[in-house]
Amino acid sequence: MAIGRLRLKPMSYDFPPWRPPSEANSLLVRVTRGCTWNRCTFCSMYKQLTFERRPAEDVKADILAAASLYSAEVRSVFIGDSNSLSIKTCDLAAILNQLYAVFPALERVTSYARAKTLLKKSLDDLRQLRQAGLTRLHVGLETGNAELLKKTRKGATPEEMVAGCRKAKEAGFELSVYVLLGLGGEHLSAAHARDTAAVLNRIDPHFIRVRTLQPQPGSELYDAMKAGAFVKASHETVLREQRIMVENLNVTSAYLSDHITNYIPVNGRLPGDREDMLRAIDKHSADLMHTTALHDRFARKDGLTRL
């Protein structure tokens, strides 16, 4: 559980509803509500929220409330909701300055960011935020395939994804990029894997974090799957897809399967751990052909519809 959830809730503290798994021990600070884009067909998050920027004074009041309870304990902070870099640079810098002023042990502050927002921000603005103490950005690439990016209404092209992410790196941020295994279903799986690897090679992020598509009620893709218009990738296809991607990655990134949706744990640092990662995938692929228990374990992942 993230720092503060139980003790701060009675104080009307405004919590972000979602955060990356890697921020499980972070203090959550809500700077915006909802998503600036909110059109991705695979996403059910924020659908009932109209995007808004919280008043800076309200955010600062939350920070002071947290500091009254946890000042010495907070070493990392996650800023939510989605794409909080969309607020004015001066406002976010002021919030960052306050965080470091009241939490003396603070080492890391992270946020979600959209590639298109990174493109729109000037390099000077991004560097200002980095200097103010925003250390890591989480960016949802999902796929490097142009057709899939368009079909899922991600709102950016492969070129824009590359340019936005590389700009973040140029500004000095640690970059964590997300890939959604299975997004191409049965029909576009191989193209999804190859093109995603190609885009990641051009970005060379610090972290590649994979999730496996488990369509959620409330998303357009879930409705399409139920109607038969989208054929969900089989377990075998997802493993094969991950193998193609790992085999074609030429990056110096940490590769992490740090999400409950993933069928198998594939973790390592590329390029050094590639062969071990491929062996892990191949072993599970072979076992899947004759092990009913493994099929059943994977099928339980398919039932995760309340993420």
Protein backbone atom coordinates (compact mmCIF):
# COMPACT_ATOMS: atom_id res chain seq x y z
CA MET A 1 0.00 0.00 0.00
CA ALA A 2 1.30 3.46 -0.85
CA ILE A 3 2.40 5.71 1.97
CA GLY A 4 -0.46 7.59 3.56
CA ARG A 5 -3.54 5.85 2.20
CA LEU A 6 -5.06 4.84 5.53
CA ARG A 7 -4.03 7.77 7.69
CA LEU A 8 -4.56 10.53 5.14
CA LYS A 9 -7.96 9.44 3.82
CA PRO A 10 -9.88 10.83 6.83
CA MET A 11 -8.19 14.19 6.18
CA SER A 12 -9.95 14.51 2.76
CA TYR A 13 -6.64 13.99 1.02
CA ASP A 14 -7.21 13.73 -2.75
CA PHE A 15 -5.58 10.49 -3.91
CA PRO A 16 -4.81 9.55 -7.53
CA PRO A 17 -6.86 6.43 -8.32
CA TRP A 18 -4.03 4.70 -10.22
CA ARG A 19 -0.25 4.51 -10.06
CA PRO A 20 2.42 2.28 -11.64
CA PRO A 21 3.32 -0.89 -9.69
CA SER A 22 6.84 0.46 -9.27
CA GLU A 23 5.36 3.32 -7.20
CA ALA A 24 3.74 1.02 -4.62
CA ASN A 25 5.72 2.57 -1.76
CA SER A 26 5.49 6.15 -2.98
CA LEU A 27 3.48 8.97 -1.53
CA LEU A 28 0.74 9.77 -4.06
CA VAL A 29 0.17 13.44 -4.85
CA ARG A 30 -2.76 14.36 -7.09
CA VAL A 31 -1.99 17.38 -9.29
CA THR A 32 -4.57 16.72 -12.02
CA ARG A 33 -7.76 14.69 -12.26
CA GLY A 34 -8.40 12.44 -15.23
CA CYS A 35 -6.65 12.24 -18.59
CA THR A 36 -6.09 14.97 -21.15
CA TRP A 37 -6.64 12.47 -23.98
CA ASN A 38 -8.93 9.74 -22.61
CA ARG A 39 -9.71 8.16 -26.02
CA CYS A 40 -7.61 4.99 -26.11
CA THR A 41 -9.83 2.03 -27.02
CA PHE A 42 -8.05 -0.38 -24.65
CA CYS A 43 -8.28 1.87 -21.59
CA SER A 44 -11.10 1.99 -19.02
CA MET A 45 -9.33 4.39 -16.66
CA TYR A 46 -10.64 7.92 -16.14
CA LYS A 47 -13.69 7.36 -18.38
CA GLN A 48 -16.02 8.90 -15.80
CA LEU A 49 -13.74 11.88 -15.14
CA THR A 50 -13.57 15.20 -16.93
CA PHE A 51 -9.96 16.35 -17.01
CA GLU A 52 -9.14 19.17 -14.63
CA ARG A 53 -6.10 20.80 -13.12
CA ARG A 54 -6.28 21.02 -9.34
CA PRO A 55 -5.63 24.46 -7.85
CA ALA A 56 -2.00 24.68 -6.78
CA GLU A 57 -3.02 25.73 -3.27
CA ASP A 58 -5.10 22.55 -2.87
CA VAL A 59 -2.13 20.43 -3.95
CA LYS A 60 0.15 22.24 -1.52
CA ALA A 61 -2.37 21.70 1.29
CA ASP A 62 -2.30 17.95 0.56
CA ILE A 63 1.49 17.98 0.66
CA LEU A 64 1.52 19.72 4.05
CA ALA A 65 -1.05 17.24 5.39
CA ALA A 66 1.17 14.34 4.30
CA ALA A 67 4.24 16.02 5.74
CA SER A 68 2.55 16.35 9.14
CA LEU A 69 2.38 12.55 9.29
CA TYR A 70 5.17 11.17 7.12
CA SER A 71 7.85 13.82 6.63
CA ALA A 72 10.84 11.65 7.53
CA GLU A 73 9.50 8.50 5.82
CA VAL A 74 8.86 9.74 2.29
CA ARG A 75 11.61 8.80 -0.15
CA SER A 76 9.60 8.71 -3.37
CA VAL A 77 6.54 10.54 -4.70
CA PHE A 78 4.27 9.74 -7.63
CA ILE A 79 2.36 12.64 -9.18
CA GLY A 80 -1.05 11.83 -10.64
CA ASP A 81 -3.36 11.56 -12.42
CA SER A 82 -2.49 11.03 -16.07
CA ASN A 83 -0.18 13.47 -17.86
CA SER A 84 0.33 16.07 -15.14
CA LEU A 85 3.03 17.71 -17.26
CA SER A 86 0.11 19.38 -19.03
CA ILE A 87 -0.12 22.00 -16.26
CA LYS A 88 1.95 25.18 -16.36
CA THR A 89 5.65 24.52 -15.89
CA CYS A 90 5.93 27.20 -13.18
CA ASP A 91 3.09 25.61 -11.17
CA LEU A 92 4.55 22.12 -11.35
CA ALA A 93 8.00 23.44 -10.48
CA ALA A 94 6.55 25.17 -7.40
CA ILE A 95 4.88 21.91 -6.33
CA LEU A 96 8.17 20.05 -6.78
CA ASN A 97 10.03 22.66 -4.76
CA GLN A 98 7.56 22.25 -1.90
CA LEU A 99 7.88 18.47 -1.97
CA TYR A 100 11.63 18.63 -1.51
CA ALA A 101 11.29 21.34 1.15
CA VAL A 102 8.98 19.32 3.42
CA PHE A 103 10.31 15.79 2.78
CA PRO A 104 14.02 15.87 3.67
CA ALA A 105 14.68 12.24 2.63
CA LEU A 106 12.98 12.57 -0.79
CA GLU A 107 15.03 10.92 -3.55
CA ARG A 108 12.65 10.40 -6.49
CA VAL A 109 9.56 12.11 -7.94
CA THR A 110 7.82 10.54 -10.93
CA SER A 111 4.81 11.16 -13.16
CA TYR A 112 2.93 9.79 -16.14
CA ALA A 113 3.48 11.75 -19.36
CA ARG A 114 2.14 11.61 -22.92
CA ALA A 115 4.61 11.68 -25.80
CA LYS A 116 2.61 14.45 -27.50
CA THR A 117 2.77 16.59 -24.35
CA LEU A 118 6.53 16.10 -24.21
CA LEU A 119 6.72 17.28 -27.81
CA LYS A 120 4.70 20.40 -27.02
CA LYS A 121 6.75 21.36 -23.96
CA SER A 122 9.89 23.29 -24.75
CA LEU A 123 13.19 21.66 -23.91
CA ASP A 124 13.87 24.52 -21.50
CA ASP A 125 10.60 23.82 -19.67
CA LEU A 126 11.41 20.12 -19.41
CA ARG A 127 14.88 20.90 -18.11
CA GLN A 128 13.38 23.29 -15.57
CA LEU A 129 11.15 20.51 -14.24
CA ARG A 130 14.08 18.11 -14.14
CA GLN A 131 16.15 20.64 -12.20
CA ALA A 132 13.23 21.17 -9.81
CA GLY A 133 13.40 17.47 -8.96
CA LEU A 134 11.08 15.56 -11.30
CA THR A 135 13.28 12.54 -11.90
CA ARG A 136 11.37 9.88 -13.85
CA LEU A 137 8.61 9.85 -16.47
CA HIS A 138 6.30 6.92 -17.25
CA VAL A 139 5.21 6.96 -20.91
CA GLY A 140 2.70 4.59 -22.48
CA LEU A 141 4.04 3.54 -25.86
CA GLU A 142 1.87 0.37 -25.94
CA THR A 143 2.95 -0.42 -29.52
CA GLY A 144 5.30 0.82 -32.22
CA ASN A 145 3.00 -0.35 -35.01
CA ALA A 146 1.47 2.60 -36.88
CA GLU A 147 -1.74 0.75 -37.76
CA LEU A 148 -2.33 -0.30 -34.16
CA LEU A 149 -1.60 3.16 -32.78
CA LYS A 150 -4.26 4.50 -35.13
CA LYS A 151 -6.79 1.72 -34.50
CA THR A 152 -6.50 2.05 -30.73
CA ARG A 153 -6.68 5.87 -30.98
CA LYS A 154 -3.51 6.35 -29.01
CA GLY A 155 -3.18 9.84 -30.44
CA ALA A 156 0.42 9.67 -31.60
CA THR A 157 2.41 8.20 -34.48
CA PRO A 158 5.54 6.07 -34.06
CA GLU A 159 7.63 9.10 -35.05
CA GLU A 160 5.94 11.25 -32.41
CA MET A 161 6.46 8.57 -29.80
CA VAL A 162 10.16 8.41 -30.60
CA ALA A 163 10.59 12.19 -30.70
CA GLY A 164 8.72 12.81 -27.42
CA CYS A 165 10.59 10.11 -25.55
CA ARG A 166 13.98 11.15 -26.86
CA LYS A 167 13.24 14.73 -25.87
CA ALA A 168 12.53 13.57 -22.32
CA LYS A 169 15.87 11.78 -22.23
CA GLU A 170 17.62 14.86 -23.60
CA ALA A 171 16.13 16.89 -20.76
CA GLY A 172 17.70 14.45 -18.29
CA PHE A 173 14.75 12.35 -17.16
CA GLU A 174 14.83 8.65 -16.44
CA LEU A 175 12.38 7.18 -18.93
CA SER A 176 10.07 4.24 -18.26
CA VAL A 177 8.20 3.08 -21.38
CA TYR A 178 5.20 0.74 -21.31
CA VAL A 179 4.40 -1.97 -23.86
CA LEU A 180 1.04 -3.76 -24.05
CA LEU A 181 1.55 -7.38 -25.11
CA GLY A 182 -1.38 -8.80 -27.07
CA LEU A 183 -2.61 -5.41 -28.28
CA GLY A 184 -2.62 -6.66 -31.89
CA GLY A 185 -4.78 -9.66 -31.04
CA GLU A 186 -4.24 -12.78 -33.10
CA HIS A 187 -3.97 -10.99 -36.42
CA LEU A 188 -1.37 -8.28 -35.84
CA SER A 189 0.75 -9.92 -33.17
CA ALA A 190 3.99 -10.37 -35.15
CA ALA A 191 3.84 -6.87 -36.66
CA HIS A 192 3.14 -5.43 -33.20
CA ALA A 193 6.21 -7.20 -31.78
CA ARG A 194 8.62 -6.25 -34.58
CA ASP A 195 7.53 -2.62 -34.87
CA THR A 196 7.51 -2.12 -31.11
CA ALA A 197 11.07 -3.42 -30.89
CA ALA A 198 12.07 -1.05 -33.71
CA VAL A 199 10.62 1.99 -31.92
CA LEU A 200 12.15 0.98 -28.58
CA ASN A 201 15.53 0.62 -30.31
CA ARG A 202 15.29 4.25 -31.44
CA ILE A 203 14.29 5.45 -27.96
CA ASP A 204 16.57 3.20 -25.83
CA PRO A 205 14.63 3.95 -22.62
CA HIS A 206 16.00 3.30 -19.15
CA PHE A 207 13.13 0.89 -18.45
CA ILE A 208 10.85 -1.21 -20.66
CA ARG A 209 7.84 -2.37 -18.67
CA VAL A 210 5.48 -4.91 -20.23
CA ARG A 211 1.82 -5.54 -19.46
CA THR A 212 -0.42 -8.13 -21.09
CA LEU A 213 -3.72 -6.98 -22.56
CA GLN A 214 -6.63 -8.17 -20.45
CA PRO A 215 -9.52 -6.10 -21.87
CA GLN A 216 -11.42 -4.32 -19.13
CA PRO A 217 -15.18 -3.66 -18.94
CA GLY A 218 -15.79 -0.04 -19.80
CA SER A 219 -13.26 -0.03 -22.63
CA GLU A 220 -14.14 -0.06 -26.32
CA LEU A 221 -11.78 -2.97 -26.91
CA TYR A 222 -13.64 -5.08 -24.33
CA ASP A 223 -16.90 -4.41 -26.17
CA ALA A 224 -15.25 -5.27 -29.48
CA MET A 225 -13.94 -8.54 -28.04
CA LYS A 226 -17.39 -9.49 -26.73
CA ALA A 227 -18.90 -8.70 -30.13
CA GLY A 228 -16.29 -10.83 -31.93
CA ALA A 229 -14.72 -7.87 -33.72
CA PHE A 230 -11.44 -8.27 -31.80
CA VAL A 231 -9.84 -11.70 -31.40
CA LYS A 232 -7.80 -11.77 -28.22
CA ALA A 233 -4.32 -13.20 -28.65
CA SER A 234 -3.94 -16.75 -27.35
CA HIS A 235 -1.47 -17.58 -24.60
CA GLU A 236 0.85 -19.14 -27.17
CA THR A 237 0.65 -16.04 -29.37
CA VAL A 238 1.51 -13.70 -26.50
CA LEU A 239 4.58 -15.75 -25.58
CA ARG A 240 5.66 -15.88 -29.23
CA GLU A 241 5.11 -12.12 -29.52
CA GLN A 242 7.26 -11.43 -26.49
CA ARG A 243 10.00 -13.64 -27.89
CA ILE A 244 10.05 -11.75 -31.20
CA MET A 245 10.28 -8.45 -29.37
CA VAL A 246 13.07 -9.50 -26.98
CA GLU A 247 15.00 -11.10 -29.84
CA ASN A 248 14.89 -7.86 -31.85
CA LEU A 249 15.64 -5.37 -29.08
CA ASN A 250 18.96 -3.56 -29.39
CA VAL A 251 18.80 -1.39 -26.27
CA THR A 252 20.60 -0.82 -22.98
CA SER A 253 17.38 -1.02 -20.94
CA ALA A 254 16.07 -2.85 -17.92
CA TYR A 255 13.22 -5.08 -19.15
CA LEU A 256 10.58 -5.72 -16.49
CA SER A 257 7.41 -7.84 -16.39
CA ASP A 258 6.20 -6.07 -13.26
CA HIS A 259 2.44 -6.36 -13.60
CA ILE A 260 -0.19 -8.85 -12.45
CA THR A 261 -1.53 -9.24 -16.01
CA ASN A 262 1.61 -10.89 -17.34
CA TYR A 263 1.56 -14.65 -17.91
CA ILE A 264 5.22 -15.22 -17.07
CA PRO A 265 8.05 -13.27 -15.40
CA VAL A 266 10.57 -12.15 -18.00
CA ASN A 267 13.06 -9.77 -16.44
CA GLY A 268 16.60 -8.71 -17.17
CA ARG A 269 18.94 -6.07 -18.46
CA LEU A 270 19.53 -5.93 -22.17
CA PRO A 271 21.56 -6.88 -24.03
CA GLY A 272 23.40 -8.99 -21.46
CA ASP A 273 20.45 -11.04 -20.18
CA ARG A 274 18.79 -11.64 -23.57
CA GLU A 275 19.62 -15.35 -23.83
CA ASP A 276 18.35 -16.09 -20.33
CA MET A 277 15.14 -14.17 -21.10
CA LEU A 278 14.60 -16.07 -24.34
CA ARG A 279 15.20 -19.39 -22.58
CA ALA A 280 12.56 -18.50 -19.99
CA ILE A 281 10.03 -17.75 -22.75
CA ASP A 282 10.92 -20.92 -24.67
CA LYS A 283 10.56 -23.09 -21.57
CA HIS A 284 7.09 -21.77 -20.84
CA SER A 285 6.10 -22.09 -24.50
CA ALA A 286 7.16 -25.75 -24.48
CA ASP A 287 5.45 -26.45 -21.16
CA LEU A 288 2.26 -24.83 -22.41
CA MET A 289 1.89 -27.53 -25.07
CA HIS A 290 1.43 -30.34 -22.55
CA THR A 291 0.81 -28.85 -19.09
CA THR A 292 -2.84 -28.32 -18.20
CA ALA A 293 -1.95 -26.60 -14.92
CA LEU A 294 -0.01 -23.92 -16.80
CA HIS A 295 -2.96 -23.29 -19.12
CA ASP A 296 -5.19 -22.96 -16.07
CA ARG A 297 -2.78 -20.52 -14.44
CA PHE A 298 -2.69 -18.37 -17.55
CA ALA A 299 -6.49 -18.54 -17.84
CA ARG A 300 -6.81 -17.05 -14.37
CA LYS A 301 -4.93 -14.02 -15.67
CA ASP A 302 -7.56 -13.70 -18.41
CA GLY A 303 -10.17 -13.29 -15.67
CA LEU A 304 -8.57 -10.11 -14.33
CA THR A 305 -11.32 -7.68 -15.28
CA ARG A 306 -11.18 -5.30 -12.32
CA LEU A 307 -7.74 -3.79 -12.61
